[in-house]
Amino acid sequence: MSLLDRVKDSLPGDTKSKIALAGIGAIALLAFVVYKRTRRSVREKFLFSLRGTTVEKEYLKYIKAHAEQNPESVIKHADDFCYSSGWMMNVGDMKGKILDNAVLEHKPKIVVELGTYCGYSSIRTARLLEPGAKLYTFEVNPESAKIALQAIEHAKLNNVITVILGSLEEKLDMLKSIYKIEKVDLLFIDHWKELYLPDLQRFEKSGLLQNGSVVVADNIYIPGAPEYLKYVQTSPKYKTELVESFLEYSKLKDAITISIYQGEHDHLSQ
C-alpha cells in the first residue's frame, strides 16, 4: 500500500469522498494531511510562545507538578499532557505498547536510543528493563537534553539511563571506549528520518550489532523513512516485521518496524 493510500485510509469517509470528487492530486492531499496533523501543534506552539515558553518546558512543569516520582506515573501524566495541553513527538501511548512488547520479549541488557527528545521513550523503555540493564540515549539538542535529564530524574531512573549530548556520528565511539559496550541488544531509532539508514549502517560497521540484536524504528509512515524501510525489508541481514498503529496522540496511521539482525555471515553467504 502506498503512502497516499495509507493517508486516504486515515481520513474520514466524507473527506475521502470529497477529495475523490474534486479530483485533488496527491501533492494536495498530502499537504492537507500534513496540515491536519500539524495544525494543533502549530497553534499550541504559537500560544506557548506568546506566554514566553515552549510546549517542552510546559510539559516538564506538568510532570513535576502532577506526576509521582516513579516511571509509571511520569509516563501516564506525559500522555495526559500531550492529549490535553500540547502535542509532542514522543513515541506515544499507542506505538509505545509495541515498543514495550519488544523490550519485554527480548529482555535487552544494553539499549541504545537515537533521539532522546524530552525523555519519554527513554523512561518508557527503562521502566521495563531487568536489574542491571542500561539505556544510552543520544540527543543533539541541548535544551531537549536538559528537559529529558530532569524528567528522568523525576522518574528515579538516573542510575539506568545515560544521556549523551551529540550526534551518533560524533559520539558512537563513546559506547565502546567509555562505556565498554561490546553489543547493543536493542536499538531504538526515533530521530531525524533521513539519518535512520546512515546511522543503522554506522552501527553495523561498528560491530555493536550482533546476531539477535533488535532494531526498532518509529514513524515509518509519518513522516516516513522509505529508504530505511526498503533496506530492512530487503537486506538478508534482517528479518523485519512492520507493525501498524497510529501517529502519536492522533488518529492517523503510522507504523513501527521491528528488525532482528541476522549477522554479517548470513549476508556474505548470499
C-alpha atoms as a PDB file:
ATOM      1  CA  MET A   1       0.000   0.000   0.000  1.00  0.00           C
ATOM      2  CA  SER A   2       1.377   3.383  -0.986  1.00  0.00           C
ATOM      3  CA  LEU A   3       1.786   6.323   1.387  1.00  0.00           C
ATOM      4  CA  LEU A   4      -1.046   8.053  -0.468  1.00  0.00           C
ATOM      5  CA  ASP A   5      -3.350   5.074   0.087  1.00  0.00           C
ATOM      6  CA  ARG A   6      -2.442   4.967   3.783  1.00  0.00           C
ATOM      7  CA  VAL A   7      -3.141   8.676   4.048  1.00  0.00           C
ATOM      8  CA  LYS A   8      -6.546   8.222   2.413  1.00  0.00           C
ATOM      9  CA  ASP A   9      -7.393   5.433   4.866  1.00  0.00           C
ATOM     10  CA  SER A  10      -6.583   7.795   7.738  1.00  0.00           C
ATOM     11  CA  LEU A  11      -9.192  10.327   6.609  1.00  0.00           C
ATOM     12  CA  PRO A  12     -12.908  10.327   7.470  1.00  0.00           C
ATOM     13  CA  GLY A  13     -15.147   8.784   4.814  1.00  0.00           C
ATOM     14  CA  ASP A  14     -16.827  12.038   3.821  1.00  0.00           C
ATOM     15  CA  THR A  15     -13.441  13.720   3.424  1.00  0.00           C
ATOM     16  CA  LYS A  16     -12.216  10.945   1.149  1.00  0.00           C
ATOM     17  CA  SER A  17     -15.356  11.231  -0.985  1.00  0.00           C
ATOM     18  CA  LYS A  18     -14.951  14.978  -1.367  1.00  0.00           C
ATOM     19  CA  ILE A  19     -11.308  14.540  -2.312  1.00  0.00           C
ATOM     20  CA  ALA A  20     -12.206  11.915  -4.922  1.00  0.00           C
ATOM     21  CA  LEU A  21     -14.970  14.053  -6.397  1.00  0.00           C
ATOM     22  CA  ALA A  22     -12.755  17.094  -6.578  1.00  0.00           C
ATOM     23  CA  GLY A  23     -10.012  15.094  -8.305  1.00  0.00           C
ATOM     24  CA  ILE A  24      -7.435  16.552  -5.969  1.00  0.00           C
ATOM     25  CA  GLY A  25      -3.843  15.479  -6.686  1.00  0.00           C
ATOM     26  CA  ALA A  26      -1.508  13.519  -4.487  1.00  0.00           C
ATOM     27  CA  ILE A  27       0.534  16.553  -3.511  1.00  0.00           C
ATOM     28  CA  ALA A  28      -2.532  18.488  -2.432  1.00  0.00           C
ATOM     29  CA  LEU A  29      -3.838  15.502  -0.496  1.00  0.00           C
ATOM     30  CA  LEU A  30      -0.583  15.058   1.362  1.00  0.00           C
ATOM     31  CA  ALA A  31      -0.477  18.771   2.089  1.00  0.00           C
ATOM     32  CA  PHE A  32      -3.967  18.503   3.549  1.00  0.00           C
ATOM     33  CA  VAL A  33      -2.910  15.659   5.820  1.00  0.00           C
ATOM     34  CA  VAL A  34       0.220  17.472   6.957  1.00  0.00           C
ATOM     35  CA  TYR A  35      -1.965  20.455   7.809  1.00  0.00           C
ATOM     36  CA  LYS A  36      -4.446  18.206   9.618  1.00  0.00           C
ATOM     37  CA  ARG A  37      -1.646  16.621  11.630  1.00  0.00           C
ATOM     38  CA  THR A  38       0.251  19.776  12.491  1.00  0.00           C
ATOM     39  CA  ARG A  39      -2.382  22.465  12.930  1.00  0.00           C
ATOM     40  CA  ARG A  40      -2.886  21.617  16.608  1.00  0.00           C
ATOM     41  CA  SER A  41       0.863  21.569  17.225  1.00  0.00           C
ATOM     42  CA  VAL A  42       1.422  24.866  15.418  1.00  0.00           C
ATOM     43  CA  ARG A  43      -1.434  26.551  17.262  1.00  0.00           C
ATOM     44  CA  GLU A  44      -0.194  25.329  20.627  1.00  0.00           C
ATOM     45  CA  LYS A  45       3.401  26.363  19.916  1.00  0.00           C
ATOM     46  CA  PHE A  46       2.186  29.828  18.941  1.00  0.00           C
ATOM     47  CA  LEU A  47       0.133  30.168  22.125  1.00  0.00           C
ATOM     48  CA  PHE A  48       3.032  28.964  24.271  1.00  0.00           C
ATOM     49  CA  SER A  49       5.368  31.435  22.546  1.00  0.00           C
ATOM     50  CA  LEU A  50       3.007  34.299  23.377  1.00  0.00           C
ATOM     51  CA  ARG A  51       3.449  33.316  27.010  1.00  0.00           C
ATOM     52  CA  GLY A  52       7.226  33.233  26.648  1.00  0.00           C
ATOM     53  CA  THR A  53       7.509  29.474  26.984  1.00  0.00           C
ATOM     54  CA  THR A  54       7.523  26.267  24.902  1.00  0.00           C
ATOM     55  CA  VAL A  55       5.467  23.082  24.875  1.00  0.00           C
ATOM     56  CA  GLU A  56       8.523  21.183  26.114  1.00  0.00           C
ATOM     57  CA  LYS A  57       9.026  23.477  29.114  1.00  0.00           C
ATOM     58  CA  GLU A  58       5.335  23.294  29.978  1.00  0.00           C
ATOM     59  CA  TYR A  59       5.497  19.509  29.700  1.00  0.00           C
ATOM     60  CA  LEU A  60       8.269  19.396  32.275  1.00  0.00           C
ATOM     61  CA  LYS A  61       6.367  21.725  34.600  1.00  0.00           C
ATOM     62  CA  TYR A  62       3.308  19.496  34.293  1.00  0.00           C
ATOM     63  CA  ILE A  63       5.316  16.351  35.065  1.00  0.00           C
ATOM     64  CA  LYS A  64       6.903  17.914  38.137  1.00  0.00           C
ATOM     65  CA  ALA A  65       3.580  19.280  39.379  1.00  0.00           C
ATOM     66  CA  HIS A  66       1.396  16.216  38.820  1.00  0.00           C
ATOM     67  CA  ALA A  67       3.440  13.026  38.440  1.00  0.00           C
ATOM     68  CA  GLU A  68       4.680  10.972  41.342  1.00  0.00           C
ATOM     69  CA  GLN A  69       8.389  10.228  41.354  1.00  0.00           C
ATOM     70  CA  ASN A  70       8.216   6.915  39.534  1.00  0.00           C
ATOM     71  CA  PRO A  71       8.277   5.997  35.829  1.00  0.00           C
ATOM     72  CA  GLU A  72       4.704   4.726  35.535  1.00  0.00           C
ATOM     73  CA  SER A  73       3.313   7.993  36.869  1.00  0.00           C
ATOM     74  CA  VAL A  74       5.612  10.070  34.655  1.00  0.00           C
ATOM     75  CA  ILE A  75       4.512   8.172  31.522  1.00  0.00           C
ATOM     76  CA  LYS A  76       0.830   8.454  32.424  1.00  0.00           C
ATOM     77  CA  HIS A  77       0.998  12.189  33.030  1.00  0.00           C
ATOM     78  CA  ALA A  78       3.157  12.749  29.948  1.00  0.00           C
ATOM     79  CA  ASP A  79       0.432  11.148  27.828  1.00  0.00           C
ATOM     80  CA  ASP A  80      -2.252  13.159  29.626  1.00  0.00           C
ATOM     81  CA  PHE A  81      -0.385  16.382  28.862  1.00  0.00           C
ATOM     82  CA  CYS A  82       0.116  15.512  25.201  1.00  0.00           C
ATOM     83  CA  TYR A  83      -3.567  14.715  24.682  1.00  0.00           C
ATOM     84  CA  SER A  84      -4.922  17.699  26.576  1.00  0.00           C
ATOM     85  CA  SER A  85      -2.382  20.511  26.524  1.00  0.00           C
ATOM     86  CA  GLY A  86       0.390  20.160  23.961  1.00  0.00           C
ATOM     87  CA  TRP A  87       1.175  17.711  21.148  1.00  0.00           C
ATOM     88  CA  MET A  88       4.706  16.326  21.330  1.00  0.00           C
ATOM     89  CA  MET A  89       6.685  13.988  19.090  1.00  0.00           C
ATOM     90  CA  ASN A  90       7.018  11.172  21.628  1.00  0.00           C
ATOM     91  CA  VAL A  91       6.515   7.588  20.530  1.00  0.00           C
ATOM     92  CA  GLY A  92       3.237   7.948  22.455  1.00  0.00           C
ATOM     93  CA  ASP A  93       0.930   5.539  24.235  1.00  0.00           C
ATOM     94  CA  MET A  94      -0.274   3.501  21.231  1.00  0.00           C
ATOM     95  CA  LYS A  95       3.057   2.807  19.499  1.00  0.00           C
ATOM     96  CA  GLY A  96       4.647   2.778  22.932  1.00  0.00           C
ATOM     97  CA  LYS A  97       2.905  -0.536  23.601  1.00  0.00           C
ATOM     98  CA  ILE A  98       4.674  -2.028  20.590  1.00  0.00           C
ATOM     99  CA  LEU A  99       7.996  -0.830  21.982  1.00  0.00           C
ATOM    100  CA  ASP A 100       7.031  -2.218  25.404  1.00  0.00           C
ATOM    101  CA  ASN A 101       6.349  -5.646  23.891  1.00  0.00           C
ATOM    102  CA  ALA A 102       9.718  -5.700  22.132  1.00  0.00           C
ATOM    103  CA  VAL A 103      11.503  -4.890  25.391  1.00  0.00           C
ATOM    104  CA  LEU A 104       9.566  -7.483  27.372  1.00  0.00           C
ATOM    105  CA  GLU A 105      10.059 -10.181  24.738  1.00  0.00           C
ATOM    106  CA  HIS A 106      13.777  -9.707  24.128  1.00  0.00           C
ATOM    107  CA  LYS A 107      14.892  -8.626  27.619  1.00  0.00           C
ATOM    108  CA  PRO A 108      17.812  -6.445  26.473  1.00  0.00           C
ATOM    109  CA  LYS A 109      20.731  -5.733  28.782  1.00  0.00           C
ATOM    110  CA  ILE A 110      22.052  -2.836  26.691  1.00  0.00           C
ATOM    111  CA  VAL A 111      19.644  -0.463  24.931  1.00  0.00           C
ATOM    112  CA  VAL A 112      20.676   2.457  22.725  1.00  0.00           C
ATOM    113  CA  GLU A 113      18.221   5.136  21.644  1.00  0.00           C
ATOM    114  CA  LEU A 114      18.709   7.690  18.868  1.00  0.00           C
ATOM    115  CA  GLY A 115      16.632  10.768  19.642  1.00  0.00           C
ATOM    116  CA  THR A 116      16.058  11.399  23.340  1.00  0.00           C
ATOM    117  CA  TYR A 117      13.845  14.466  22.824  1.00  0.00           C
ATOM    118  CA  CYS A 118      12.301  15.030  26.281  1.00  0.00           C
ATOM    119  CA  GLY A 119      12.956  11.566  27.672  1.00  0.00           C
ATOM    120  CA  TYR A 120       9.567   9.906  27.172  1.00  0.00           C
ATOM    121  CA  SER A 121      10.697   6.773  25.336  1.00  0.00           C
ATOM    122  CA  SER A 122      13.843   6.505  27.456  1.00  0.00           C
ATOM    123  CA  ILE A 123      11.702   6.379  30.593  1.00  0.00           C
ATOM    124  CA  ARG A 124       9.119   4.138  28.962  1.00  0.00           C
ATOM    125  CA  THR A 125      11.781   1.624  27.941  1.00  0.00           C
ATOM    126  CA  ALA A 126      13.932   1.794  31.074  1.00  0.00           C
ATOM    127  CA  ARG A 127      10.995   1.079  33.367  1.00  0.00           C
ATOM    128  CA  LEU A 128      10.746  -2.408  31.828  1.00  0.00           C
ATOM    129  CA  LEU A 129      14.424  -3.337  31.885  1.00  0.00           C
ATOM    130  CA  GLU A 130      15.682  -6.072  34.148  1.00  0.00           C
ATOM    131  CA  PRO A 131      18.030  -5.232  37.051  1.00  0.00           C
ATOM    132  CA  GLY A 132      21.491  -4.294  35.842  1.00  0.00           C
ATOM    133  CA  ALA A 133      20.394  -3.357  32.316  1.00  0.00           C
ATOM    134  CA  LYS A 134      21.368   0.072  30.943  1.00  0.00           C
ATOM    135  CA  LEU A 135      19.994   2.514  28.383  1.00  0.00           C
ATOM    136  CA  TYR A 136      22.138   5.043  26.491  1.00  0.00           C
ATOM    137  CA  THR A 137      20.334   7.757  24.560  1.00  0.00           C
ATOM    138  CA  PHE A 138      21.706  10.286  22.050  1.00  0.00           C
ATOM    139  CA  GLU A 139      20.303  13.825  21.703  1.00  0.00           C
ATOM    140  CA  VAL A 140      21.721  16.695  19.614  1.00  0.00           C
ATOM    141  CA  ASN A 141      19.547  19.469  21.094  1.00  0.00           C
ATOM    142  CA  PRO A 142      20.954  20.767  24.419  1.00  0.00           C
ATOM    143  CA  GLU A 143      17.604  22.194  25.557  1.00  0.00           C
ATOM    144  CA  SER A 144      15.809  18.912  24.927  1.00  0.00           C
ATOM    145  CA  ALA A 145      18.572  17.048  26.747  1.00  0.00           C
ATOM    146  CA  LYS A 146      18.193  19.301  29.811  1.00  0.00           C
ATOM    147  CA  ILE A 147      14.461  18.658  29.940  1.00  0.00           C
ATOM    148  CA  ALA A 148      14.986  14.930  29.451  1.00  0.00           C
ATOM    149  CA  LEU A 149      17.501  14.756  32.304  1.00  0.00           C
ATOM    150  CA  GLN A 150      15.028  16.409  34.677  1.00  0.00           C
ATOM    151  CA  ALA A 151      12.192  14.119  33.607  1.00  0.00           C
ATOM    152  CA  ILE A 152      14.459  11.087  34.041  1.00  0.00           C
ATOM    153  CA  GLU A 153      15.451  12.306  37.499  1.00  0.00           C
ATOM    154  CA  HIS A 154      11.784  12.731  38.425  1.00  0.00           C
ATOM    155  CA  ALA A 155      11.161   9.146  37.306  1.00  0.00           C
ATOM    156  CA  LYS A 156      14.066   7.987  39.501  1.00  0.00           C
ATOM    157  CA  LEU A 157      15.877   6.329  36.586  1.00  0.00           C
ATOM    158  CA  ASN A 158      19.184   8.228  36.715  1.00  0.00           C
ATOM    159  CA  ASN A 159      21.035   5.021  37.509  1.00  0.00           C
ATOM    160  CA  VAL A 160      19.646   3.281  34.424  1.00  0.00           C
ATOM    161  CA  ILE A 161      19.607   5.981  31.711  1.00  0.00           C
ATOM    162  CA  THR A 162      22.622   7.871  30.367  1.00  0.00           C
ATOM    163  CA  VAL A 163      22.007  10.865  28.085  1.00  0.00           C
ATOM    164  CA  ILE A 164      24.768  11.518  25.544  1.00  0.00           C
ATOM    165  CA  LEU A 165      24.731  15.014  24.066  1.00  0.00           C
ATOM    166  CA  GLY A 166      25.743  14.933  20.408  1.00  0.00           C
ATOM    167  CA  SER A 167      25.125  13.037  17.191  1.00  0.00           C
ATOM    168  CA  LEU A 168      25.822   9.365  16.685  1.00  0.00           C
ATOM    169  CA  GLU A 169      28.364  10.250  14.006  1.00  0.00           C
ATOM    170  CA  GLU A 170      30.305  12.282  16.590  1.00  0.00           C
ATOM    171  CA  LYS A 171      29.859  10.121  19.672  1.00  0.00           C
ATOM    172  CA  LEU A 172      29.387   6.498  18.578  1.00  0.00           C
ATOM    173  CA  ASP A 173      32.903   5.555  19.694  1.00  0.00           C
ATOM    174  CA  MET A 174      31.994   6.507  23.277  1.00  0.00           C
ATOM    175  CA  LEU A 175      29.872   3.394  23.594  1.00  0.00           C
ATOM    176  CA  LYS A 176      32.974   1.245  23.266  1.00  0.00           C
ATOM    177  CA  SER A 177      35.712   3.487  24.615  1.00  0.00           C
ATOM    178  CA  ILE A 178      33.955   4.958  27.673  1.00  0.00           C
ATOM    179  CA  TYR A 179      31.022   2.670  28.437  1.00  0.00           C
ATOM    180  CA  LYS A 180      32.811  -0.550  27.393  1.00  0.00           C
ATOM    181  CA  ILE A 181      29.842  -1.836  25.403  1.00  0.00           C
ATOM    182  CA  GLU A 182      30.508  -4.828  23.166  1.00  0.00           C
ATOM    183  CA  LYS A 183      26.965  -5.497  21.943  1.00  0.00           C
ATOM    184  CA  VAL A 184      23.764  -3.474  21.649  1.00  0.00           C
ATOM    185  CA  ASP A 185      20.827  -5.766  22.383  1.00  0.00           C
ATOM    186  CA  LEU A 186      18.124  -3.293  21.369  1.00  0.00           C
ATOM    187  CA  LEU A 187      18.470  -0.169  19.234  1.00  0.00           C
ATOM    188  CA  PHE A 188      15.521   2.256  19.139  1.00  0.00           C
ATOM    189  CA  ILE A 189      15.640   4.749  16.257  1.00  0.00           C
ATOM    190  CA  ASP A 190      13.455   7.842  16.560  1.00  0.00           C
ATOM    191  CA  HIS A 191      15.451  10.896  15.443  1.00  0.00           C
ATOM    192  CA  TRP A 192      15.856  12.623  12.056  1.00  0.00           C
ATOM    193  CA  LYS A 193      14.289  10.304   9.490  1.00  0.00           C
ATOM    194  CA  GLU A 194      16.963  10.917   6.840  1.00  0.00           C
ATOM    195  CA  LEU A 195      19.527   9.600   9.345  1.00  0.00           C
ATOM    196  CA  TYR A 196      17.749   6.312  10.053  1.00  0.00           C
ATOM    197  CA  LEU A 197      19.619   4.328   7.402  1.00  0.00           C
ATOM    198  CA  PRO A 198      23.049   6.018   7.671  1.00  0.00           C
ATOM    199  CA  ASP A 199      23.048   5.614  11.461  1.00  0.00           C
ATOM    200  CA  LEU A 200      21.896   1.997  11.260  1.00  0.00           C
ATOM    201  CA  GLN A 201      24.794   1.313   8.903  1.00  0.00           C
ATOM    202  CA  ARG A 202      27.170   3.048  11.318  1.00  0.00           C
ATOM    203  CA  PHE A 203      26.095   0.529  13.950  1.00  0.00           C
ATOM    204  CA  GLU A 204      26.627  -2.328  11.515  1.00  0.00           C
ATOM    205  CA  LYS A 205      30.170  -1.165  10.764  1.00  0.00           C
ATOM    206  CA  SER A 206      30.940  -0.661  14.464  1.00  0.00           C
ATOM    207  CA  GLY A 207      30.290  -4.314  15.274  1.00  0.00           C
ATOM    208  CA  LEU A 208      27.892  -3.343  18.068  1.00  0.00           C
ATOM    209  CA  LEU A 209      25.012  -5.016  16.250  1.00  0.00           C
ATOM    210  CA  GLN A 210      25.422  -8.753  16.552  1.00  0.00           C
ATOM    211  CA  ASN A 211      23.338 -11.789  15.755  1.00  0.00           C
ATOM    212  CA  GLY A 212      19.981 -11.385  17.513  1.00  0.00           C
ATOM    213  CA  SER A 213      20.229  -7.638  18.115  1.00  0.00           C
ATOM    214  CA  VAL A 214      16.819  -5.985  17.816  1.00  0.00           C
ATOM    215  CA  VAL A 215      16.306  -2.714  15.920  1.00  0.00           C
ATOM    216  CA  VAL A 216      13.029  -0.847  16.474  1.00  0.00           C
ATOM    217  CA  ALA A 217      12.243   2.224  14.344  1.00  0.00           C
ATOM    218  CA  ASP A 218       9.380   4.707  14.770  1.00  0.00           C
ATOM    219  CA  ASN A 219       7.475   6.941  12.308  1.00  0.00           C
ATOM    220  CA  ILE A 220       7.832   4.594   9.353  1.00  0.00           C
ATOM    221  CA  TYR A 221       4.740   6.049   7.615  1.00  0.00           C
ATOM    222  CA  ILE A 222       4.602   9.587   9.022  1.00  0.00           C
ATOM    223  CA  PRO A 223       6.817  11.487   8.368  1.00  0.00           C
ATOM    224  CA  GLY A 224       8.195   8.306   6.786  1.00  0.00           C
ATOM    225  CA  ALA A 225      11.564   6.639   6.268  1.00  0.00           C
ATOM    226  CA  PRO A 226      11.221   4.899   2.879  1.00  0.00           C
ATOM    227  CA  GLU A 227      14.910   4.197   2.254  1.00  0.00           C
ATOM    228  CA  TYR A 228      15.293   2.714   5.722  1.00  0.00           C
ATOM    229  CA  LEU A 229      12.146   0.595   5.314  1.00  0.00           C
ATOM    230  CA  LYS A 230      13.276  -0.771   1.957  1.00  0.00           C
ATOM    231  CA  TYR A 231      16.681  -1.634   3.390  1.00  0.00           C
ATOM    232  CA  VAL A 232      15.485  -3.567   6.451  1.00  0.00           C
ATOM    233  CA  GLN A 233      12.800  -5.356   4.449  1.00  0.00           C
ATOM    234  CA  THR A 234      15.104  -6.479   1.631  1.00  0.00           C
ATOM    235  CA  SER A 235      18.514  -6.926   3.230  1.00  0.00           C
ATOM    236  CA  PRO A 236      19.371 -10.514   4.236  1.00  0.00           C
ATOM    237  CA  LYS A 237      20.947  -9.005   7.340  1.00  0.00           C
ATOM    238  CA  TYR A 238      17.482  -8.509   8.880  1.00  0.00           C
ATOM    239  CA  LYS A 239      14.194 -10.229   9.492  1.00  0.00           C
ATOM    240  CA  THR A 240      11.702  -7.390   9.749  1.00  0.00           C
ATOM    241  CA  GLU A 241       8.129  -7.086  10.968  1.00  0.00           C
ATOM    242  CA  LEU A 242       6.097  -3.984  10.092  1.00  0.00           C
ATOM    243  CA  VAL A 243       3.578  -3.204  12.835  1.00  0.00           C
ATOM    244  CA  GLU A 244       0.877  -0.654  12.039  1.00  0.00           C
ATOM    245  CA  SER A 245      -0.519   1.658  14.688  1.00  0.00           C
ATOM    246  CA  PHE A 246      -1.344   5.370  14.982  1.00  0.00           C
ATOM    247  CA  LEU A 247       0.750   8.502  14.931  1.00  0.00           C
ATOM    248  CA  GLU A 248       1.356   9.743  18.462  1.00  0.00           C
ATOM    249  CA  TYR A 249      -1.724  11.352  20.018  1.00  0.00           C
ATOM    250  CA  SER A 250      -3.716  11.239  16.772  1.00  0.00           C
ATOM    251  CA  LYS A 251      -5.895   9.012  14.576  1.00  0.00           C
ATOM    252  CA  LEU A 252      -3.527   8.996  11.596  1.00  0.00           C
ATOM    253  CA  LYS A 253      -1.966   5.683  10.633  1.00  0.00           C
ATOM    254  CA  ASP A 254       1.698   5.187  11.375  1.00  0.00           C
ATOM    255  CA  ALA A 255       3.925   2.161  11.829  1.00  0.00           C
ATOM    256  CA  ILE A 256       6.925   0.776  13.634  1.00  0.00           C
ATOM    257  CA  THR A 257       9.419  -1.763  12.309  1.00  0.00           C
ATOM    258  CA  ILE A 258      10.965  -4.470  14.457  1.00  0.00           C
ATOM    259  CA  SER A 259      14.056  -5.931  12.795  1.00  0.00           C
ATOM    260  CA  ILE A 260      16.168  -8.806  14.079  1.00  0.00           C
ATOM    261  CA  TYR A 261      19.785  -8.615  12.967  1.00  0.00           C
ATOM    262  CA  GLN A 262      20.928 -11.887  11.431  1.00  0.00           C
ATOM    263  CA  GLY A 263      24.628 -11.163  11.371  1.00  0.00           C
ATOM    264  CA  GLU A 264      27.065 -10.367   8.588  1.00  0.00           C
ATOM    265  CA  HIS A 265      27.801 -14.026   7.868  1.00  0.00           C
ATOM    266  CA  ASP A 266      24.266 -14.559   6.545  1.00  0.00           C
ATOM    267  CA  HIS A 267      24.660 -11.550   4.290  1.00  0.00           C
ATOM    268  CA  LEU A 268      28.046 -12.622   2.933  1.00  0.00           C
ATOM    269  CA  SER A 269      26.877 -16.140   2.166  1.00  0.00           C
ATOM    270  CA  GLN A 270      24.246 -14.891  -0.289  1.00  0.00           C
END
